[in-house]
PDB file of all heavy atoms in Angstrom:
ATOM      1  N   TYR A   1       0.838  -1.194   0.000  1.00  0.00           N
ATOM      2  CA  TYR A   1       0.000   0.000   0.000  1.00  0.00           C
ATOM      3  C   TYR A   1       0.876   1.248   0.000  1.00  0.00           C
ATOM      4  O   TYR A   1       2.028   1.241   0.417  1.00  0.00           O
ATOM      5  CB  TYR A   1      -0.942   0.012   1.199  1.00  0.00           C
ATOM      6  CG  TYR A   1      -0.272   0.189   2.547  1.00  0.00           C
ATOM      7  CD1 TYR A   1       0.033   1.457   3.047  1.00  0.00           C
ATOM      8  CD2 TYR A   1       0.059  -0.914   3.328  1.00  0.00           C
ATOM      9  CE1 TYR A   1       0.645   1.626   4.273  1.00  0.00           C
ATOM     10  CE2 TYR A   1       0.668  -0.759   4.559  1.00  0.00           C
ATOM     11  CZ  TYR A   1       0.956   0.511   5.023  1.00  0.00           C
ATOM     12  OH  TYR A   1       1.584   0.677   6.243  1.00  0.00           O
ATOM     13  N   THR A   2       0.274   2.328  -0.466  1.00  0.00           N
ATOM     14  CA  THR A   2       0.906   3.637  -0.416  1.00  0.00           C
ATOM     15  C   THR A   2      -0.189   4.694  -0.471  1.00  0.00           C
ATOM     16  O   THR A   2      -1.314   4.412  -0.889  1.00  0.00           O
ATOM     17  CB  THR A   2       1.905   3.832  -1.575  1.00  0.00           C
ATOM     18  OG1 THR A   2       2.635   5.045  -1.385  1.00  0.00           O
ATOM     19  CG2 THR A   2       1.190   3.892  -2.914  1.00  0.00           C
ATOM     20  N   GLY A   3       0.145   5.890  -0.024  1.00  0.00           N
ATOM     21  CA  GLY A   3      -0.836   6.962  -0.078  1.00  0.00           C
ATOM     22  C   GLY A   3      -0.566   8.061   0.932  1.00  0.00           C
ATOM     23  O   GLY A   3       0.297   7.923   1.806  1.00  0.00           O
ATOM     24  N   PRO A   4      -1.303   9.166   0.839  1.00  0.00           N
ATOM     25  CA  PRO A   4      -1.095  10.313   1.738  1.00  0.00           C
ATOM     26  C   PRO A   4      -1.737  10.091   3.099  1.00  0.00           C
ATOM     27  O   PRO A   4      -2.649   9.277   3.256  1.00  0.00           O
ATOM     28  CB  PRO A   4      -1.782  11.459   0.994  1.00  0.00           C
ATOM     29  CG  PRO A   4      -2.878  10.776   0.224  1.00  0.00           C
ATOM     30  CD  PRO A   4      -2.335   9.434  -0.177  1.00  0.00           C
ATOM     31  N   SER A   5      -1.249  10.821   4.081  1.00  0.00           N
ATOM     32  CA  SER A   5      -1.867  10.832   5.408  1.00  0.00           C
ATOM     33  C   SER A   5      -1.726  12.228   5.997  1.00  0.00           C
ATOM     34  O   SER A   5      -0.772  12.949   5.690  1.00  0.00           O
ATOM     35  CB  SER A   5      -1.222   9.792   6.336  1.00  0.00           C
ATOM     36  OG  SER A   5       0.092  10.176   6.686  1.00  0.00           O
ATOM     37  N   LEU A   6      -2.670  12.578   6.847  1.00  0.00           N
ATOM     38  CA  LEU A   6      -2.648  13.880   7.500  1.00  0.00           C
ATOM     39  C   LEU A   6      -2.706  13.691   9.009  1.00  0.00           C
ATOM     40  O   LEU A   6      -3.494  12.891   9.512  1.00  0.00           O
ATOM     41  CB  LEU A   6      -3.839  14.736   7.059  1.00  0.00           C
ATOM     42  CG  LEU A   6      -3.842  15.264   5.622  1.00  0.00           C
ATOM     43  CD1 LEU A   6      -5.118  16.059   5.365  1.00  0.00           C
ATOM     44  CD2 LEU A   6      -2.619  16.117   5.345  1.00  0.00           C
ATOM     45  N   PHE A   7      -1.842  14.425   9.716  1.00  0.00           N
ATOM     46  CA  PHE A   7      -1.902  14.542  11.170  1.00  0.00           C
ATOM     47  C   PHE A   7      -2.636  15.834  11.507  1.00  0.00           C
ATOM     48  O   PHE A   7      -2.214  16.916  11.099  1.00  0.00           O
ATOM     49  CB  PHE A   7      -0.493  14.622  11.772  1.00  0.00           C
ATOM     50  CG  PHE A   7       0.158  13.291  12.050  1.00  0.00           C
ATOM     51  CD1 PHE A   7       1.437  13.242  12.586  1.00  0.00           C
ATOM     52  CD2 PHE A   7      -0.489  12.092  11.794  1.00  0.00           C
ATOM     53  CE1 PHE A   7       2.055  12.040  12.859  1.00  0.00           C
ATOM     54  CE2 PHE A   7       0.114  10.877  12.062  1.00  0.00           C
ATOM     55  CZ  PHE A   7       1.387  10.843  12.608  1.00  0.00           C
ATOM     56  N   PHE A   8      -3.738  15.733  12.276  1.00  0.00           N
ATOM     57  CA  PHE A   8      -4.423  16.911  12.800  1.00  0.00           C
ATOM     58  C   PHE A   8      -4.105  16.986  14.292  1.00  0.00           C
ATOM     59  O   PHE A   8      -4.582  16.142  15.066  1.00  0.00           O
ATOM     60  CB  PHE A   8      -5.930  16.813  12.576  1.00  0.00           C
ATOM     61  CG  PHE A   8      -6.335  16.846  11.125  1.00  0.00           C
ATOM     62  CD1 PHE A   8      -6.463  15.672  10.405  1.00  0.00           C
ATOM     63  CD2 PHE A   8      -6.574  18.050  10.482  1.00  0.00           C
ATOM     64  CE1 PHE A   8      -6.827  15.688   9.061  1.00  0.00           C
ATOM     65  CE2 PHE A   8      -6.942  18.085   9.150  1.00  0.00           C
ATOM     66  CZ  PHE A   8      -7.060  16.898   8.432  1.00  0.00           C
ATOM     67  N   ARG A   9      -3.307  17.963  14.690  1.00  0.00           N
ATOM     68  CA  ARG A   9      -2.864  18.056  16.083  1.00  0.00           C
ATOM     69  C   ARG A   9      -4.022  18.418  17.002  1.00  0.00           C
ATOM     70  O   ARG A   9      -4.805  19.319  16.718  1.00  0.00           O
ATOM     71  CB  ARG A   9      -1.744  19.091  16.216  1.00  0.00           C
ATOM     72  CG  ARG A   9      -1.190  19.230  17.630  1.00  0.00           C
ATOM     73  CD  ARG A   9       0.031  20.154  17.655  1.00  0.00           C
ATOM     74  NE  ARG A   9      -0.230  21.435  17.044  1.00  0.00           N
ATOM     75  CZ  ARG A   9      -0.860  22.450  17.637  1.00  0.00           C
ATOM     76  NH1 ARG A   9      -1.301  22.303  18.870  1.00  0.00           N
ATOM     77  NH2 ARG A   9      -1.037  23.588  17.003  1.00  0.00           N
ATOM     78  N   LEU A  10      -4.121  17.680  18.107  1.00  0.00           N
ATOM     79  CA  LEU A  10      -5.128  17.965  19.119  1.00  0.00           C
ATOM     80  C   LEU A  10      -4.552  18.923  20.161  1.00  0.00           C
ATOM     81  O   LEU A  10      -3.396  18.811  20.537  1.00  0.00           O
ATOM     82  CB  LEU A  10      -5.586  16.672  19.797  1.00  0.00           C
ATOM     83  CG  LEU A  10      -6.226  15.626  18.874  1.00  0.00           C
ATOM     84  CD1 LEU A  10      -6.552  14.360  19.658  1.00  0.00           C
ATOM     85  CD2 LEU A  10      -7.480  16.189  18.215  1.00  0.00           C
ATOM     86  N   GLY A  11      -5.357  19.830  20.645  1.00  0.00           N
ATOM     87  CA  GLY A  11      -4.883  20.802  21.613  1.00  0.00           C
ATOM     88  C   GLY A  11      -4.385  22.060  20.933  1.00  0.00           C
ATOM     89  O   GLY A  11      -4.037  22.071  19.751  1.00  0.00           O
ATOM     90  N   LYS A  12      -4.315  23.133  21.689  1.00  0.00           N
ATOM     91  CA  LYS A  12      -3.883  24.416  21.170  1.00  0.00           C
ATOM     92  C   LYS A  12      -2.386  24.592  21.352  1.00  0.00           C
ATOM     93  O   LYS A  12      -1.821  24.203  22.361  1.00  0.00           O
ATOM     94  CB  LYS A  12      -4.626  25.557  21.873  1.00  0.00           C
ATOM     95  CG  LYS A  12      -6.136  25.557  21.632  1.00  0.00           C
ATOM     96  CD  LYS A  12      -6.801  26.713  22.339  1.00  0.00           C
ATOM     97  CE  LYS A  12      -8.302  26.713  22.088  1.00  0.00           C
ATOM     98  NZ  LYS A  12      -8.970  27.848  22.780  1.00  0.00           N
ATOM     99  N   GLY A  13      -1.756  25.182  20.349  1.00  0.00           N
ATOM    100  CA  GLY A  13      -0.340  25.495  20.444  1.00  0.00           C
ATOM    101  C   GLY A  13      -0.129  26.941  20.869  1.00  0.00           C
ATOM    102  O   GLY A  13      -1.002  27.786  20.709  1.00  0.00           O
ATOM    103  N   ASN A  14       1.023  27.219  21.446  1.00  0.00           N
ATOM    104  CA  ASN A  14       1.383  28.579  21.843  1.00  0.00           C
ATOM    105  C   ASN A  14       2.354  29.134  20.805  1.00  0.00           C
ATOM    106  O   ASN A  14       3.476  28.660  20.681  1.00  0.00           O
ATOM    107  CB  ASN A  14       2.043  28.563  23.230  1.00  0.00           C
ATOM    108  CG  ASN A  14       2.273  29.973  23.753  1.00  0.00           C
ATOM    109  OD1 ASN A  14       2.274  30.936  22.992  1.00  0.00           O
ATOM    110  ND2 ASN A  14       2.482  30.097  25.054  1.00  0.00           N
ATOM    111  N   PRO A  15       1.941  30.138  20.007  1.00  0.00           N
ATOM    112  CA  PRO A  15       2.802  30.640  18.946  1.00  0.00           C
ATOM    113  C   PRO A  15       4.114  31.244  19.440  1.00  0.00           C
ATOM    114  O   PRO A  15       5.027  31.457  18.663  1.00  0.00           O
ATOM    115  CB  PRO A  15       1.929  31.697  18.243  1.00  0.00           C
ATOM    116  CG  PRO A  15       0.859  32.034  19.208  1.00  0.00           C
ATOM    117  CD  PRO A  15       0.651  30.843  20.068  1.00  0.00           C
ATOM    118  N   GLU A  16       4.208  31.520  20.740  1.00  0.00           N
ATOM    119  CA  GLU A  16       5.457  32.063  21.257  1.00  0.00           C
ATOM    120  C   GLU A  16       6.456  30.963  21.616  1.00  0.00           C
ATOM    121  O   GLU A  16       7.597  31.242  21.940  1.00  0.00           O
ATOM    122  CB  GLU A  16       5.167  32.930  22.482  1.00  0.00           C
ATOM    123  CG  GLU A  16       4.364  34.190  22.172  1.00  0.00           C
ATOM    124  CD  GLU A  16       4.160  35.040  23.406  1.00  0.00           C
ATOM    125  OE1 GLU A  16       4.514  34.576  24.507  1.00  0.00           O
ATOM    126  OE2 GLU A  16       3.666  36.167  23.274  1.00  0.00           O
ATOM    127  N   GLN A  17       5.999  29.697  21.582  1.00  0.00           N
ATOM    128  CA  GLN A  17       6.863  28.591  21.920  1.00  0.00           C
ATOM    129  C   GLN A  17       7.003  27.662  20.727  1.00  0.00           C
ATOM    130  O   GLN A  17       6.296  27.776  19.735  1.00  0.00           O
ATOM    131  CB  GLN A  17       6.299  27.818  23.117  1.00  0.00           C
ATOM    132  CG  GLN A  17       6.172  28.656  24.381  1.00  0.00           C
ATOM    133  CD  GLN A  17       5.526  27.869  25.501  1.00  0.00           C
ATOM    134  OE1 GLN A  17       5.090  26.748  25.317  1.00  0.00           O
ATOM    135  NE2 GLN A  17       5.481  28.461  26.671  1.00  0.00           N
ATOM    136  N   THR A  18       7.948  26.713  20.842  1.00  0.00           N
ATOM    137  CA  THR A  18       8.120  25.724  19.801  1.00  0.00           C
ATOM    138  C   THR A  18       6.959  24.746  19.839  1.00  0.00           C
ATOM    139  O   THR A  18       6.744  24.064  20.833  1.00  0.00           O
ATOM    140  CB  THR A  18       9.438  24.953  20.004  1.00  0.00           C
ATOM    141  OG1 THR A  18      10.520  25.885  20.000  1.00  0.00           O
ATOM    142  CG2 THR A  18       9.643  23.939  18.900  1.00  0.00           C
ATOM    143  N   SER A  19       6.187  24.695  18.787  1.00  0.00           N
ATOM    144  CA  SER A  19       5.039  23.804  18.743  1.00  0.00           C
ATOM    145  C   SER A  19       4.825  23.313  17.323  1.00  0.00           C
ATOM    146  O   SER A  19       5.331  23.892  16.360  1.00  0.00           O
ATOM    147  CB  SER A  19       3.775  24.514  19.245  1.00  0.00           C
ATOM    148  OG  SER A  19       3.487  25.628  18.427  1.00  0.00           O
ATOM    149  N   GLY A  20       4.076  22.206  17.211  1.00  0.00           N
ATOM    150  CA  GLY A  20       3.812  21.636  15.899  1.00  0.00           C
ATOM    151  C   GLY A  20       2.680  22.354  15.182  1.00  0.00           C
ATOM    152  O   GLY A  20       1.818  22.980  15.799  1.00  0.00           O
ATOM    153  N   LYS A  21       2.671  22.252  13.869  1.00  0.00           N
ATOM    154  CA  LYS A  21       1.599  22.840  13.080  1.00  0.00           C
ATOM    155  C   LYS A  21       0.300  22.093  13.329  1.00  0.00           C
ATOM    156  O   LYS A  21       0.286  20.924  13.712  1.00  0.00           O
ATOM    157  CB  LYS A  21       1.954  22.791  11.598  1.00  0.00           C
ATOM    158  CG  LYS A  21       3.059  23.753  11.189  1.00  0.00           C
ATOM    159  CD  LYS A  21       3.331  23.666   9.695  1.00  0.00           C
ATOM    160  CE  LYS A  21       4.386  24.690   9.284  1.00  0.00           C
ATOM    161  NZ  LYS A  21       4.706  24.605   7.823  1.00  0.00           N
ATOM    162  N   SER A  22      -0.795  22.768  13.079  1.00  0.00           N
ATOM    163  CA  SER A  22      -2.110  22.165  13.286  1.00  0.00           C
ATOM    164  C   SER A  22      -2.351  21.006  12.334  1.00  0.00           C
ATOM    165  O   SER A  22      -3.023  20.034  12.683  1.00  0.00           O
ATOM    166  CB  SER A  22      -3.212  23.215  13.111  1.00  0.00           C
ATOM    167  OG  SER A  22      -3.071  24.251  14.052  1.00  0.00           O
ATOM    168  N   VAL A  23      -1.815  21.093  11.117  1.00  0.00           N
ATOM    169  CA  VAL A  23      -1.956  20.035  10.124  1.00  0.00           C
ATOM    170  C   VAL A  23      -0.578  19.675   9.604  1.00  0.00           C
ATOM    171  O   VAL A  23       0.171  20.552   9.176  1.00  0.00           O
ATOM    172  CB  VAL A  23      -2.865  20.470   8.955  1.00  0.00           C
ATOM    173  CG1 VAL A  23      -3.035  19.328   7.962  1.00  0.00           C
ATOM    174  CG2 VAL A  23      -4.209  20.946   9.463  1.00  0.00           C
ATOM    175  N   GLN A  24      -0.268  18.382   9.639  1.00  0.00           N
ATOM    176  CA  GLN A  24       1.049  17.918   9.217  1.00  0.00           C
ATOM    177  C   GLN A  24       0.882  16.786   8.209  1.00  0.00           C
ATOM    178  O   GLN A  24       0.488  15.676   8.573  1.00  0.00           O
ATOM    179  CB  GLN A  24       1.855  17.457  10.429  1.00  0.00           C
ATOM    180  CG  GLN A  24       2.058  18.544  11.474  1.00  0.00           C
ATOM    181  CD  GLN A  24       2.647  18.036  12.765  1.00  0.00           C
ATOM    182  OE1 GLN A  24       3.234  16.962  12.808  1.00  0.00           O
ATOM    183  NE2 GLN A  24       2.493  18.801  13.837  1.00  0.00           N
ATOM    184  N   PRO A  25       1.160  17.038   6.923  1.00  0.00           N
ATOM    185  CA  PRO A  25       0.981  16.012   5.902  1.00  0.00           C
ATOM    186  C   PRO A  25       2.137  15.014   5.887  1.00  0.00           C
ATOM    187  O   PRO A  25       3.243  15.301   6.343  1.00  0.00           O
ATOM    188  CB  PRO A  25       0.940  16.827   4.602  1.00  0.00           C
ATOM    189  CG  PRO A  25       1.791  18.035   4.904  1.00  0.00           C
ATOM    190  CD  PRO A  25       1.563  18.338   6.355  1.00  0.00           C
ATOM    191  N   GLY A  26       1.846  13.851   5.350  1.00  0.00           N
ATOM    192  CA  GLY A  26       2.871  12.819   5.205  1.00  0.00           C
ATOM    193  C   GLY A  26       2.506  11.871   4.078  1.00  0.00           C
ATOM    194  O   GLY A  26       1.449  11.996   3.443  1.00  0.00           O
ATOM    195  N   TRP A  27       3.400  10.909   3.838  1.00  0.00           N
ATOM    196  CA  TRP A  27       3.153   9.893   2.809  1.00  0.00           C
ATOM    197  C   TRP A  27       3.531   8.529   3.376  1.00  0.00           C
ATOM    198  O   TRP A  27       4.611   8.363   3.924  1.00  0.00           O
ATOM    199  CB  TRP A  27       3.952  10.179   1.546  1.00  0.00           C
ATOM    200  CG  TRP A  27       3.489   9.332   0.387  1.00  0.00           C
ATOM    201  CD1 TRP A  27       3.928   8.088   0.046  1.00  0.00           C
ATOM    202  CD2 TRP A  27       2.477   9.672  -0.562  1.00  0.00           C
ATOM    203  NE1 TRP A  27       3.250   7.610  -1.056  1.00  0.00           N
ATOM    204  CE2 TRP A  27       2.350   8.577  -1.447  1.00  0.00           C
ATOM    205  CE3 TRP A  27       1.656  10.789  -0.727  1.00  0.00           C
ATOM    206  CZ2 TRP A  27       1.448   8.571  -2.504  1.00  0.00           C
ATOM    207  CZ3 TRP A  27       0.751  10.786  -1.785  1.00  0.00           C
ATOM    208  CH2 TRP A  27       0.656   9.688  -2.665  1.00  0.00           C
ATOM    209  N   ASP A  28       2.610   7.562   3.247  1.00  0.00           N
ATOM    210  CA  ASP A  28       2.806   6.231   3.810  1.00  0.00           C
ATOM    211  C   ASP A  28       3.215   5.235   2.743  1.00  0.00           C
ATOM    212  O   ASP A  28       2.776   5.316   1.584  1.00  0.00           O
ATOM    213  CB  ASP A  28       1.518   5.736   4.478  1.00  0.00           C
ATOM    214  CG  ASP A  28       1.111   6.569   5.669  1.00  0.00           C
ATOM    215  OD1 ASP A  28       1.983   7.280   6.225  1.00  0.00           O
ATOM    216  OD2 ASP A  28      -0.071   6.514   6.065  1.00  0.00           O
ATOM    217  N   LEU A  29       3.998   4.250   3.161  1.00  0.00           N
ATOM    218  CA  LEU A  29       4.434   3.173   2.284  1.00  0.00           C
ATOM    219  C   LEU A  29       4.589   1.926   3.142  1.00  0.00           C
ATOM    220  O   LEU A  29       5.218   1.983   4.208  1.00  0.00           O
ATOM    221  CB  LEU A  29       5.768   3.523   1.612  1.00  0.00           C
ATOM    222  CG  LEU A  29       6.339   2.525   0.609  1.00  0.00           C
ATOM    223  CD1 LEU A  29       5.423   2.409  -0.605  1.00  0.00           C
ATOM    224  CD2 LEU A  29       7.746   2.951   0.178  1.00  0.00           C
ATOM    225  N   GLY A  30       4.000   0.792   2.706  1.00  0.00           N
ATOM    226  CA  GLY A  30       4.104  -0.396   3.544  1.00  0.00           C
ATOM    227  C   GLY A  30       3.636  -1.651   2.849  1.00  0.00           C
ATOM    228  O   GLY A  30       3.279  -1.667   1.672  1.00  0.00           O
ATOM    229  N   LEU A  31       3.627  -2.750   3.612  1.00  0.00           N
ATOM    230  CA  LEU A  31       3.196  -4.056   3.117  1.00  0.00           C
ATOM    231  C   LEU A  31       2.522  -4.814   4.239  1.00  0.00           C
ATOM    232  O   LEU A  31       2.568  -4.413   5.395  1.00  0.00           O
ATOM    233  CB  LEU A  31       4.382  -4.846   2.554  1.00  0.00           C
ATOM    234  CG  LEU A  31       5.669  -4.923   3.390  1.00  0.00           C
ATOM    235  CD1 LEU A  31       5.585  -5.988   4.470  1.00  0.00           C
ATOM    236  CD2 LEU A  31       6.865  -5.203   2.499  1.00  0.00           C
ATOM    237  N   GLY A  32       1.881  -5.954   3.885  1.00  0.00           N
ATOM    238  CA  GLY A  32       1.186  -6.715   4.909  1.00  0.00           C
ATOM    239  C   GLY A  32       0.592  -7.988   4.364  1.00  0.00           C
ATOM    240  O   GLY A  32       0.937  -8.456   3.268  1.00  0.00           O
ATOM    241  N   LEU A  33      -0.341  -8.552   5.131  1.00  0.00           N
ATOM    242  CA  LEU A  33      -1.032  -9.789   4.775  1.00  0.00           C
ATOM    243  C   LEU A  33      -2.528  -9.620   5.030  1.00  0.00           C
ATOM    244  O   LEU A  33      -2.932  -9.074   6.064  1.00  0.00           O
ATOM    245  CB  LEU A  33      -0.522 -10.965   5.607  1.00  0.00           C
ATOM    246  CG  LEU A  33       0.817 -11.599   5.235  1.00  0.00           C
ATOM    247  CD1 LEU A  33       1.162 -12.691   6.247  1.00  0.00           C
ATOM    248  CD2 LEU A  33       0.794 -12.172   3.824  1.00  0.00           C
ATOM    249  N   ASP A  34      -3.318 -10.083   4.073  1.00  0.00           N
ATOM    250  CA  ASP A  34      -4.757 -10.202   4.263  1.00  0.00           C
ATOM    251  C   ASP A  34      -5.050 -11.686   4.518  1.00  0.00           C
ATOM    252  O   ASP A  34      -4.745 -12.535   3.681  1.00  0.00           O
ATOM    253  CB  ASP A  34      -5.507  -9.702   3.035  1.00  0.00           C
ATOM    254  CG  ASP A  34      -7.011  -9.730   3.229  1.00  0.00           C
ATOM    255  OD1 ASP A  34      -7.580 -10.833   3.378  1.00  0.00           O
ATOM    256  OD2 ASP A  34      -7.625  -8.655   3.224  1.00  0.00           O
TER     257      ASP A  34
END
């Protein structure tokens, strides 16, 4: 499998401090068994 993924951060960030963005995109790649 492959495809995009989005992280939606829970909780409020403080713009005066180091914090993560509210939305963080990524791309997944993997394998498995059905």
